[in-house]
Amino acid sequence: MIQRRPTRQITLGDDRVGFVSIGGGKDGTTPAPVSVQSMTTGYTHEIDTCVAEINRLAAAGADIVRVAVPGKNDTQALKEILPQVRVPIVADVHFHFGRALEAVEAGVHKIRLNPGNINDRKQVEEVIAACKAANGGKGIPIRIGVNEGSIVERKDKQKRMKELGGVFSDNKHGHFLAIMITKLEEYLDIFYGNDFYDIAISAKSPDPSLVIAAYTEVSKRFDHPLHLGVTHAGPRETAMIRSCVPMGHLLASGIGDTVRISYASDPVYEVEDALEMLYVLECRERKGVDLIACPTCGRIQVDLFTLVQEVRAKLADEISLPIKVAVMGCIVNGPGEAEGADVAIFAGNQRGIIYVQGEKVANVPEAEILDRLMQECVKFQDKVQRGDAKLGQKVVKIAPPDPIGELGSGFDKIAAGQVHAAPTDLTIGNTD
């Protein structure tokens, strides 16, 4: 298991939408699971559309949803939006501190401020005071979001900037790292001076290597939970790699307490891909099927691409437990995966053998593979739920079938009587 970096813990939400904790491990708190965030793409003041999008993201698995509030009509809309959703909402505030005050008054669960855009001390202190008094005096947290694109220099370098520039002189991103750390130090001084510590920090960039360097340095200097992200990442096809590489690196190093993958695409994909990243790193307990499949090659004798997509779609609808399902297209890797999976299919010459925890349960023609595989997955899920089986518990060792046997390339020769198959556990034509 990954050893998470201990941080302070913050919590957002209310009795109606529930509570989400971020970070932990200090002051007697238990680290919360890494949470997943996303952001709406439409205008917040278009209430029905905004509510529908929030609920879509929540249904996809988002723990927290952020909305933009650039105008007063957006913060006014929050009063109608919040009662219609069931997930904590963050108000994203840029340029005008008044939007933060209005969002707090509307009942939002967290505020995001950008030090590069709202840096007047009195204005920041007003926001801090409002957040401390919110929620009946229990307060709401604030995320300090430092993005490479918004931390421009507005005055000569400070002494601390020069010191940090020296610290980072051997880093190709030293200039930006110095600015980020300086901005955070200056901003946090305001919060600490007002006895406010319910803070999360982000330090984003479109450059994955800078993201790794920035969060690594921030984690050394501050004990607040970190919101991981890569800003302006691009379309899903490329942004998936641009985002998951640096965030996976940081999470595997124990750095990061909540994540948002950013796509120029449907944000539901952000949630789905973030969850999968957390699942494979064991930062979250998986919900639903763990599907693996071979990449296909010249040994394939079934339409594996179509089969995998059909299996994926059906499993998503019918299976809720983290059952490991393997869909393999040949007899080379199939037996090993069948042993390691809860339910597995490996195919040969237009046929497939289905195993449940290492025990053969069916040998079917290609046309029947999908339906029979689904039947076995549902039956196995029912057994687990009854307590008659456990996930990840294989039963027998599987011996690979003879390569010229029933599922192998020599099937036609065997049928023609030209060669004799070696003894196997398979019977030609058996579909039981």
Protein backbone atom coordinates (compact mmCIF):
# COMPACT_ATOMS: atom_id res chain seq x y z
CA MET A 1 0.00 0.00 0.00
CA ILE A 2 1.14 3.54 -0.77
CA GLN A 3 2.16 5.48 2.33
CA ARG A 4 0.31 8.78 2.08
CA ARG A 5 1.97 12.00 3.11
CA PRO A 6 0.31 13.11 6.40
CA THR A 7 -1.55 16.41 6.19
CA ARG A 8 -4.12 18.43 8.03
CA GLN A 9 -7.62 17.33 7.14
CA ILE A 10 -10.44 19.44 5.75
CA THR A 11 -14.09 18.46 5.35
CA LEU A 12 -16.78 19.90 3.12
CA GLY A 13 -20.48 19.22 2.69
CA ASP A 14 -23.55 19.22 4.89
CA ASP A 15 -26.11 16.84 6.33
CA ARG A 16 -28.14 16.84 3.13
CA VAL A 17 -25.42 16.19 0.52
CA GLY A 18 -23.11 14.30 2.85
CA PHE A 19 -19.55 15.07 3.86
CA VAL A 20 -16.26 14.55 2.02
CA SER A 21 -12.96 14.69 3.90
CA ILE A 22 -9.71 15.52 2.14
CA GLY A 23 -6.27 14.58 3.42
CA GLY A 24 -5.48 13.60 6.98
CA GLY A 25 -2.90 11.78 9.06
CA LYS A 26 -2.05 14.70 11.34
CA ASP A 27 -3.69 15.74 14.62
CA GLY A 28 -5.12 12.26 15.11
CA THR A 29 -7.05 12.17 11.84
CA THR A 30 -7.19 9.13 9.58
CA PRO A 31 -6.27 9.86 5.96
CA ALA A 32 -9.39 10.01 3.81
CA PRO A 33 -9.50 8.14 0.47
CA VAL A 34 -8.27 10.28 -2.42
CA SER A 35 -11.37 12.07 -3.71
CA VAL A 36 -12.34 12.84 -7.30
CA GLN A 37 -13.45 16.26 -8.47
CA SER A 38 -14.72 17.65 -11.74
CA MET A 39 -16.16 20.92 -13.00
CA THR A 40 -19.26 21.88 -14.94
CA THR A 41 -18.75 23.13 -18.49
CA GLY A 42 -21.83 25.32 -18.88
CA TYR A 43 -22.94 28.62 -17.40
CA THR A 44 -23.88 28.36 -13.75
CA HIS A 45 -26.72 30.86 -14.16
CA GLU A 46 -28.41 28.43 -16.57
CA ILE A 47 -29.84 26.61 -13.58
CA ASP A 48 -31.51 23.55 -15.08
CA THR A 49 -28.55 22.77 -17.32
CA CYS A 50 -26.11 23.24 -14.45
CA VAL A 51 -28.10 20.98 -12.11
CA ALA A 52 -28.34 18.28 -14.77
CA GLU A 53 -24.59 18.37 -15.36
CA ILE A 54 -23.77 18.25 -11.65
CA ASN A 55 -26.03 15.25 -11.20
CA ARG A 56 -24.44 13.50 -14.21
CA LEU A 57 -21.00 13.98 -12.69
CA ALA A 58 -22.17 12.74 -9.30
CA ALA A 59 -23.73 9.67 -10.92
CA ALA A 60 -20.42 8.97 -12.69
CA GLY A 61 -18.66 8.92 -9.31
CA ALA A 62 -17.52 12.51 -8.66
CA ASP A 63 -17.17 13.22 -4.94
CA ILE A 64 -17.03 17.00 -5.41
CA VAL A 65 -18.15 19.29 -8.25
CA ARG A 66 -16.86 22.80 -8.93
CA VAL A 67 -18.84 25.54 -10.67
CA ALA A 68 -17.64 28.86 -12.06
CA VAL A 69 -19.15 32.03 -10.62
CA PRO A 70 -17.76 34.90 -12.70
CA GLY A 71 -20.96 36.98 -12.41
CA LYS A 72 -23.50 37.92 -9.79
CA ASN A 73 -26.16 36.03 -11.71
CA ASP A 74 -24.07 32.88 -11.16
CA THR A 75 -23.87 33.27 -7.38
CA GLN A 76 -27.57 34.09 -7.27
CA ALA A 77 -28.27 30.86 -9.17
CA LEU A 78 -26.48 28.85 -6.47
CA LYS A 79 -29.44 29.35 -4.15
CA GLU A 80 -31.59 27.36 -6.56
CA ILE A 81 -28.91 24.90 -7.63
CA LEU A 82 -27.72 23.69 -4.23
CA PRO A 83 -31.07 22.22 -3.05
CA GLN A 84 -31.29 20.15 -6.24
CA VAL A 85 -27.94 18.33 -6.04
CA ARG A 86 -26.50 15.63 -3.78
CA VAL A 87 -22.78 16.34 -3.90
CA PRO A 88 -20.64 19.07 -2.25
CA ILE A 89 -20.23 22.15 -4.48
CA VAL A 90 -17.16 24.38 -4.80
CA ALA A 91 -17.46 27.94 -6.08
CA ASP A 92 -14.60 28.89 -8.41
CA VAL A 93 -13.81 32.57 -7.83
CA HIS A 94 -11.58 34.75 -10.02
CA PHE A 95 -10.96 38.51 -10.01
CA HIS A 96 -13.85 39.68 -7.79
CA PHE A 97 -13.86 38.75 -4.11
CA GLY A 98 -17.52 39.74 -3.92
CA ARG A 99 -18.44 36.55 -5.81
CA ALA A 100 -16.88 34.55 -2.99
CA LEU A 101 -18.92 36.39 -0.35
CA GLU A 102 -22.11 35.85 -2.36
CA ALA A 103 -21.34 32.15 -2.87
CA VAL A 104 -20.77 31.66 0.85
CA GLU A 105 -24.05 33.41 1.61
CA ALA A 106 -25.79 31.09 -0.88
CA GLY A 107 -24.56 28.05 1.05
CA VAL A 108 -21.73 26.72 -1.10
CA HIS A 109 -19.50 24.11 0.55
CA LYS A 110 -16.04 25.38 -0.43
CA ILE A 111 -14.39 28.35 -2.13
CA ARG A 112 -11.53 28.30 -4.61
CA LEU A 113 -9.38 31.46 -4.74
CA ASN A 114 -6.56 32.32 -7.14
CA PRO A 115 -3.69 34.27 -5.52
CA GLY A 116 -2.71 35.58 -8.93
CA ASN A 117 -6.09 37.30 -9.35
CA ILE A 118 -7.33 38.18 -5.86
CA ASN A 119 -4.43 39.40 -3.76
CA ASP A 120 -5.71 42.49 -1.95
CA ARG A 121 -5.24 41.63 1.73
CA LYS A 122 -8.44 43.28 2.95
CA GLN A 123 -10.50 41.52 0.30
CA VAL A 124 -8.95 38.17 1.13
CA GLU A 125 -9.60 38.75 4.83
CA GLU A 126 -13.27 39.44 4.11
CA VAL A 127 -13.52 36.11 2.32
CA ILE A 128 -11.75 34.35 5.19
CA ALA A 129 -14.12 35.88 7.73
CA ALA A 130 -17.16 34.81 5.68
CA CYS A 131 -15.85 31.25 5.34
CA LYS A 132 -15.11 31.02 9.08
CA ALA A 133 -18.65 32.14 9.93
CA ALA A 134 -20.35 29.91 7.33
CA ASN A 135 -22.23 26.72 8.07
CA GLY A 136 -23.52 27.95 11.41
CA GLY A 137 -20.05 28.88 12.58
CA LYS A 138 -18.50 25.53 11.65
CA GLY A 139 -16.87 27.16 8.64
CA ILE A 140 -16.10 25.98 5.11
CA PRO A 141 -12.67 25.35 3.56
CA ILE A 142 -10.84 27.33 0.90
CA ARG A 143 -8.61 26.01 -1.87
CA ILE A 144 -5.72 28.21 -2.86
CA GLY A 145 -5.17 27.51 -6.54
CA VAL A 146 -1.87 28.61 -8.03
CA ASN A 147 -1.77 28.10 -11.80
CA GLU A 148 1.25 28.74 -13.99
CA GLY A 149 -0.95 30.78 -16.33
CA SER A 150 -2.06 33.26 -13.67
CA ILE A 151 1.01 33.83 -11.52
CA VAL A 152 2.53 36.67 -13.48
CA GLU A 153 4.99 39.03 -11.84
CA ARG A 154 3.47 42.43 -11.04
CA LYS A 155 6.48 43.90 -9.23
CA ASP A 156 10.23 43.40 -8.82
CA LYS A 157 11.39 40.14 -7.33
CA GLN A 158 11.23 40.01 -3.57
CA LYS A 159 14.14 38.89 -1.43
CA ARG A 160 12.44 35.56 -0.81
CA MET A 161 12.00 35.09 -4.57
CA LYS A 162 15.74 35.49 -5.02
CA GLU A 163 16.41 33.00 -2.23
CA LEU A 164 14.06 30.48 -3.76
CA GLY A 165 15.53 31.13 -7.19
CA GLY A 166 18.83 30.01 -5.75
CA VAL A 167 17.27 26.93 -4.20
CA PHE A 168 15.78 25.94 -7.54
CA SER A 169 18.66 27.09 -9.71
CA ASP A 170 19.45 23.53 -10.79
CA ASN A 171 15.85 22.88 -11.85
CA LYS A 172 14.75 23.76 -15.36
CA HIS A 173 11.48 25.03 -13.85
CA GLY A 174 13.25 26.98 -11.11
CA HIS A 175 11.73 30.32 -12.14
CA PHE A 176 8.13 29.13 -11.94
CA LEU A 177 8.76 27.10 -8.80
CA ALA A 178 10.12 30.20 -7.12
CA ILE A 179 7.07 32.23 -8.12
CA MET A 180 4.65 29.52 -6.98
CA ILE A 181 6.25 29.06 -3.58
CA THR A 182 6.49 32.81 -3.07
CA LYS A 183 2.84 33.37 -3.96
CA LEU A 184 1.76 30.58 -1.63
CA GLU A 185 3.88 31.85 1.24
CA GLU A 186 2.54 35.37 0.86
CA TYR A 187 -1.04 34.20 0.58
CA LEU A 188 -0.87 31.72 3.43
CA ASP A 189 0.53 34.44 5.71
CA ILE A 190 -2.82 36.20 5.35
CA PHE A 191 -4.76 33.05 6.26
CA TYR A 192 -2.53 32.19 9.20
CA GLY A 193 -2.72 35.75 10.43
CA ASN A 194 -6.50 35.33 10.53
CA ASP A 195 -6.28 31.95 12.29
CA PHE A 196 -7.64 30.07 9.26
CA TYR A 197 -6.19 26.65 8.42
CA ASP A 198 -8.98 24.82 6.58
CA ILE A 199 -7.01 25.06 3.36
CA ALA A 200 -6.21 22.90 0.34
CA ILE A 201 -3.48 23.84 -2.13
CA SER A 202 -3.06 23.29 -5.87
CA ALA A 203 -0.12 24.24 -8.10
CA LYS A 204 -1.06 23.41 -11.68
CA SER A 205 0.61 23.71 -15.05
CA PRO A 206 0.11 22.25 -18.54
CA ASP A 207 3.68 20.92 -18.29
CA PRO A 208 3.65 17.48 -16.58
CA SER A 209 7.26 17.74 -15.40
CA LEU A 210 6.54 21.11 -13.79
CA VAL A 211 3.47 19.64 -12.11
CA ILE A 212 5.61 16.91 -10.56
CA ALA A 213 8.27 19.39 -9.46
CA ALA A 214 5.76 21.92 -8.10
CA TYR A 215 3.73 19.50 -6.00
CA THR A 216 6.89 17.81 -4.73
CA GLU A 217 8.26 21.13 -3.49
CA VAL A 218 4.90 22.29 -2.11
CA SER A 219 4.52 19.02 -0.19
CA LYS A 220 7.87 19.63 1.52
CA ARG A 221 6.91 23.11 2.74
CA PHE A 222 3.22 22.99 3.68
CA ASP A 223 1.13 20.44 5.58
CA HIS A 224 -2.17 21.22 3.87
CA PRO A 225 -3.90 18.63 1.66
CA LEU A 226 -3.04 18.90 -2.03
CA HIS A 227 -5.45 19.05 -4.96
CA LEU A 228 -3.67 17.48 -7.94
CA GLY A 229 -4.28 18.56 -11.49
CA VAL A 230 -2.79 19.44 -14.87
CA THR A 231 -4.36 22.57 -16.29
CA HIS A 232 -5.11 23.14 -19.98
CA ALA A 233 -4.33 19.48 -20.64
CA GLY A 234 -6.16 19.24 -23.98
CA PRO A 235 -8.57 16.74 -25.57
CA ARG A 236 -9.14 13.43 -23.85
CA GLU A 237 -7.08 11.46 -26.36
CA THR A 238 -3.86 13.25 -25.34
CA ALA A 239 -4.83 14.80 -22.00
CA MET A 240 -5.35 11.37 -20.45
CA ILE A 241 -1.61 10.69 -20.71
CA ARG A 242 -0.61 14.27 -19.92
CA SER A 243 -2.68 14.11 -16.72
CA CYS A 244 -2.27 10.54 -15.50
CA VAL A 245 1.52 10.39 -15.88
CA PRO A 246 2.35 13.22 -13.42
CA MET A 247 -0.58 12.54 -11.10
CA GLY A 248 0.15 8.82 -11.03
CA HIS A 249 3.78 9.58 -10.22
CA LEU A 250 2.81 11.90 -7.36
CA LEU A 251 0.14 9.59 -5.95
CA ALA A 252 2.51 6.62 -6.06
CA SER A 253 4.93 8.80 -4.05
CA GLY A 254 2.25 9.45 -1.43
CA ILE A 255 1.55 13.02 -2.59
CA GLY A 256 -2.00 14.10 -3.33
CA ASP A 257 -5.32 14.01 -1.51
CA THR A 258 -7.90 14.96 -4.14
CA VAL A 259 -7.65 15.00 -7.95
CA ARG A 260 -9.19 16.52 -11.01
CA ILE A 261 -8.33 15.37 -14.51
CA SER A 262 -9.10 18.20 -16.94
CA TYR A 263 -10.30 17.51 -20.48
CA ALA A 264 -11.55 19.68 -23.30
CA SER A 265 -14.37 17.16 -23.50
CA ASP A 266 -17.35 15.78 -21.60
CA PRO A 267 -16.31 16.03 -17.91
CA VAL A 268 -17.87 12.63 -17.19
CA TYR A 269 -14.74 11.22 -18.83
CA GLU A 270 -12.68 13.19 -16.31
CA VAL A 271 -14.41 11.36 -13.50
CA GLU A 272 -14.22 7.92 -15.10
CA ASP A 273 -10.52 8.19 -15.89
CA ALA A 274 -9.62 9.69 -12.51
CA LEU A 275 -11.38 6.84 -10.75
CA GLU A 276 -9.61 4.24 -12.87
CA MET A 277 -6.26 5.89 -12.08
CA LEU A 278 -7.03 5.71 -8.36
CA TYR A 279 -8.25 2.13 -8.62
CA VAL A 280 -5.10 0.81 -10.30
CA LEU A 281 -2.93 2.63 -7.74
CA GLU A 282 -5.11 1.19 -4.95
CA CYS A 283 -5.83 4.70 -3.70
CA ARG A 284 -9.54 3.88 -3.82
CA GLU A 285 -11.52 0.69 -3.37
CA ARG A 286 -12.77 -0.30 -6.80
CA LYS A 287 -16.47 -0.17 -7.57
CA GLY A 288 -17.62 -2.32 -10.45
CA VAL A 289 -15.72 -4.71 -12.68
CA ASP A 290 -11.95 -4.82 -13.10
CA LEU A 291 -11.79 -5.75 -16.79
CA ILE A 292 -8.56 -6.82 -18.46
CA ALA A 293 -8.13 -7.96 -22.06
CA CYS A 294 -5.26 -8.94 -24.32
CA PRO A 295 -4.08 -6.41 -26.92
CA THR A 296 -4.71 -8.91 -29.75
CA CYS A 297 -2.15 -10.27 -32.19
CA GLY A 298 -1.79 -12.70 -35.05
CA ARG A 299 -2.93 -15.57 -32.82
CA ILE A 300 -6.48 -14.18 -32.43
CA GLN A 301 -9.25 -16.29 -33.98
CA VAL A 302 -12.30 -14.41 -32.71
CA ASP A 303 -13.50 -10.79 -33.05
CA LEU A 304 -11.94 -9.74 -29.76
CA PHE A 305 -12.26 -5.96 -30.21
CA THR A 306 -16.03 -6.20 -30.54
CA LEU A 307 -16.31 -8.77 -27.75
CA VAL A 308 -14.36 -6.63 -25.27
CA GLN A 309 -16.49 -3.56 -25.90
CA GLU A 310 -19.70 -5.53 -25.59
CA VAL A 311 -18.51 -7.16 -22.37
CA ARG A 312 -17.48 -3.79 -20.94
CA ALA A 313 -20.86 -2.21 -21.67
CA LYS A 314 -22.87 -5.10 -20.23
CA LEU A 315 -20.72 -5.49 -17.14
CA ALA A 316 -21.07 -1.79 -16.33
CA ASP A 317 -24.85 -2.18 -16.27
CA GLU A 318 -25.11 -5.44 -14.34
CA ILE A 319 -22.10 -5.86 -12.06
CA SER A 320 -21.43 -3.70 -9.00
CA LEU A 321 -18.76 -5.74 -7.21
CA PRO A 322 -15.05 -5.41 -8.14
CA ILE A 323 -14.99 -8.76 -9.92
CA LYS A 324 -11.85 -9.28 -12.00
CA VAL A 325 -12.86 -10.38 -15.50
CA ALA A 326 -10.33 -11.41 -18.16
CA VAL A 327 -11.17 -11.53 -21.86
CA MET A 328 -8.32 -13.24 -23.71
CA GLY A 329 -8.17 -14.07 -27.39
CA CYS A 330 -5.86 -17.11 -27.56
CA ILE A 331 -4.55 -20.11 -25.64
CA VAL A 332 -1.08 -18.62 -25.00
CA ASN A 333 -1.87 -16.09 -22.26
CA GLY A 334 -5.44 -17.14 -21.69
CA PRO A 335 -4.86 -19.92 -19.14
CA GLY A 336 -2.70 -17.75 -16.90
CA GLU A 337 -5.23 -14.93 -16.94
CA ALA A 338 -8.06 -17.38 -16.34
CA GLU A 339 -6.26 -18.51 -13.19
CA GLY A 340 -5.73 -14.96 -11.96
CA ALA A 341 -9.23 -13.66 -12.69
CA ASP A 342 -12.54 -14.34 -10.96
CA VAL A 343 -14.25 -14.92 -14.31
CA ALA A 344 -12.31 -15.44 -17.54
CA ILE A 345 -12.78 -16.34 -21.17
CA PHE A 346 -10.03 -17.47 -23.50
CA ALA A 347 -10.85 -18.11 -27.09
CA GLY A 348 -9.54 -20.14 -29.99
CA ASN A 349 -10.96 -21.20 -33.31
CA GLN A 350 -14.34 -19.43 -33.08
CA ARG A 351 -14.91 -20.93 -29.62
CA GLY A 352 -14.26 -19.90 -26.06
CA ILE A 353 -13.68 -21.60 -22.71
CA ILE A 354 -15.08 -19.81 -19.66
CA TYR A 355 -13.59 -20.26 -16.21
CA VAL A 356 -14.84 -19.09 -12.82
CA GLN A 357 -12.00 -18.78 -10.32
CA GLY A 358 -9.94 -21.29 -12.27
CA GLU A 359 -12.68 -23.89 -12.77
CA LYS A 360 -13.97 -24.55 -16.28
CA VAL A 361 -17.70 -23.95 -16.51
CA ALA A 362 -18.37 -23.72 -20.25
CA ASN A 363 -17.00 -24.33 -23.74
CA VAL A 364 -19.14 -22.38 -26.21
CA PRO A 365 -19.17 -21.18 -29.84
CA GLU A 366 -18.11 -17.60 -30.47
CA ALA A 367 -21.69 -16.43 -30.97
CA GLU A 368 -22.58 -17.54 -27.43
CA ILE A 369 -19.53 -16.22 -25.60
CA LEU A 370 -21.00 -12.87 -24.57
CA ASP A 371 -24.27 -14.16 -23.14
CA ARG A 372 -22.66 -17.06 -21.30
CA LEU A 373 -19.90 -14.88 -19.89
CA MET A 374 -22.52 -12.46 -18.56
CA GLN A 375 -24.49 -15.31 -17.01
CA GLU A 376 -21.40 -16.56 -15.20
CA CYS A 377 -20.47 -13.06 -13.97
CA VAL A 378 -23.96 -12.50 -12.55
CA LYS A 379 -24.02 -15.96 -10.96
CA PHE A 380 -20.60 -15.37 -9.41
CA GLN A 381 -21.64 -11.96 -8.07
CA ASP A 382 -24.68 -13.56 -6.47
CA LYS A 383 -22.45 -16.18 -4.82
CA VAL A 384 -20.14 -13.50 -3.42
CA GLN A 385 -23.05 -11.50 -2.09
CA ARG A 386 -24.44 -14.63 -0.40
CA GLY A 387 -21.07 -15.35 1.16
CA ASP A 388 -20.54 -18.56 -0.85
CA ALA A 389 -17.45 -17.22 -2.64
CA LYS A 390 -14.73 -14.63 -2.15
CA LEU A 391 -13.17 -12.30 -4.69
CA GLY A 392 -9.67 -13.16 -5.88
CA GLN A 393 -9.73 -16.76 -4.66
CA LYS A 394 -8.72 -19.19 -7.42
CA VAL A 395 -9.75 -22.82 -7.20
CA VAL A 396 -7.56 -24.92 -9.53
CA LYS A 397 -4.43 -24.76 -11.65
CA ILE A 398 -5.24 -24.59 -15.35
CA ALA A 399 -3.29 -26.64 -17.87
CA PRO A 400 -3.15 -24.98 -21.31
CA PRO A 401 -4.94 -26.93 -24.05
CA ASP A 402 -2.89 -28.53 -26.79
CA PRO A 403 -2.12 -25.83 -29.42
CA ILE A 404 -3.34 -28.08 -32.23
CA GLY A 405 -6.35 -29.13 -30.21
CA GLU A 406 -9.92 -27.91 -30.21
CA LEU A 407 -9.11 -24.21 -29.75
CA GLY A 408 -5.88 -24.29 -31.71
CA SER A 409 -5.00 -23.71 -35.33
CA GLY A 410 -4.96 -27.45 -36.04
CA PHE A 411 -8.68 -27.90 -35.48
CA ASP A 412 -9.46 -28.39 -39.17
CA LYS A 413 -6.66 -30.94 -39.53
CA ILE A 414 -7.96 -32.87 -36.54
CA ALA A 415 -11.48 -32.84 -37.95
CA ALA A 416 -10.14 -34.16 -41.26
CA GLY A 417 -8.29 -36.95 -39.50
CA GLN A 418 -4.89 -35.66 -40.68
CA VAL A 419 -3.41 -35.34 -37.16
CA HIS A 420 -4.27 -36.57 -33.70
CA ALA A 421 -4.76 -34.11 -30.85
CA ALA A 422 -2.93 -34.67 -27.60
CA PRO A 423 -5.18 -35.54 -24.65
CA THR A 424 -6.80 -32.46 -23.09
CA ASP A 425 -9.70 -31.69 -20.79
CA LEU A 426 -11.71 -30.57 -23.84
CA THR A 427 -14.19 -32.54 -25.87
CA ILE A 428 -14.85 -31.38 -29.41
CA GLY A 429 -18.34 -29.99 -29.71
CA ASN A 430 -18.96 -30.02 -25.94
CA THR A 431 -20.84 -26.83 -24.92
CA ASP A 432 -21.35 -27.67 -21.24
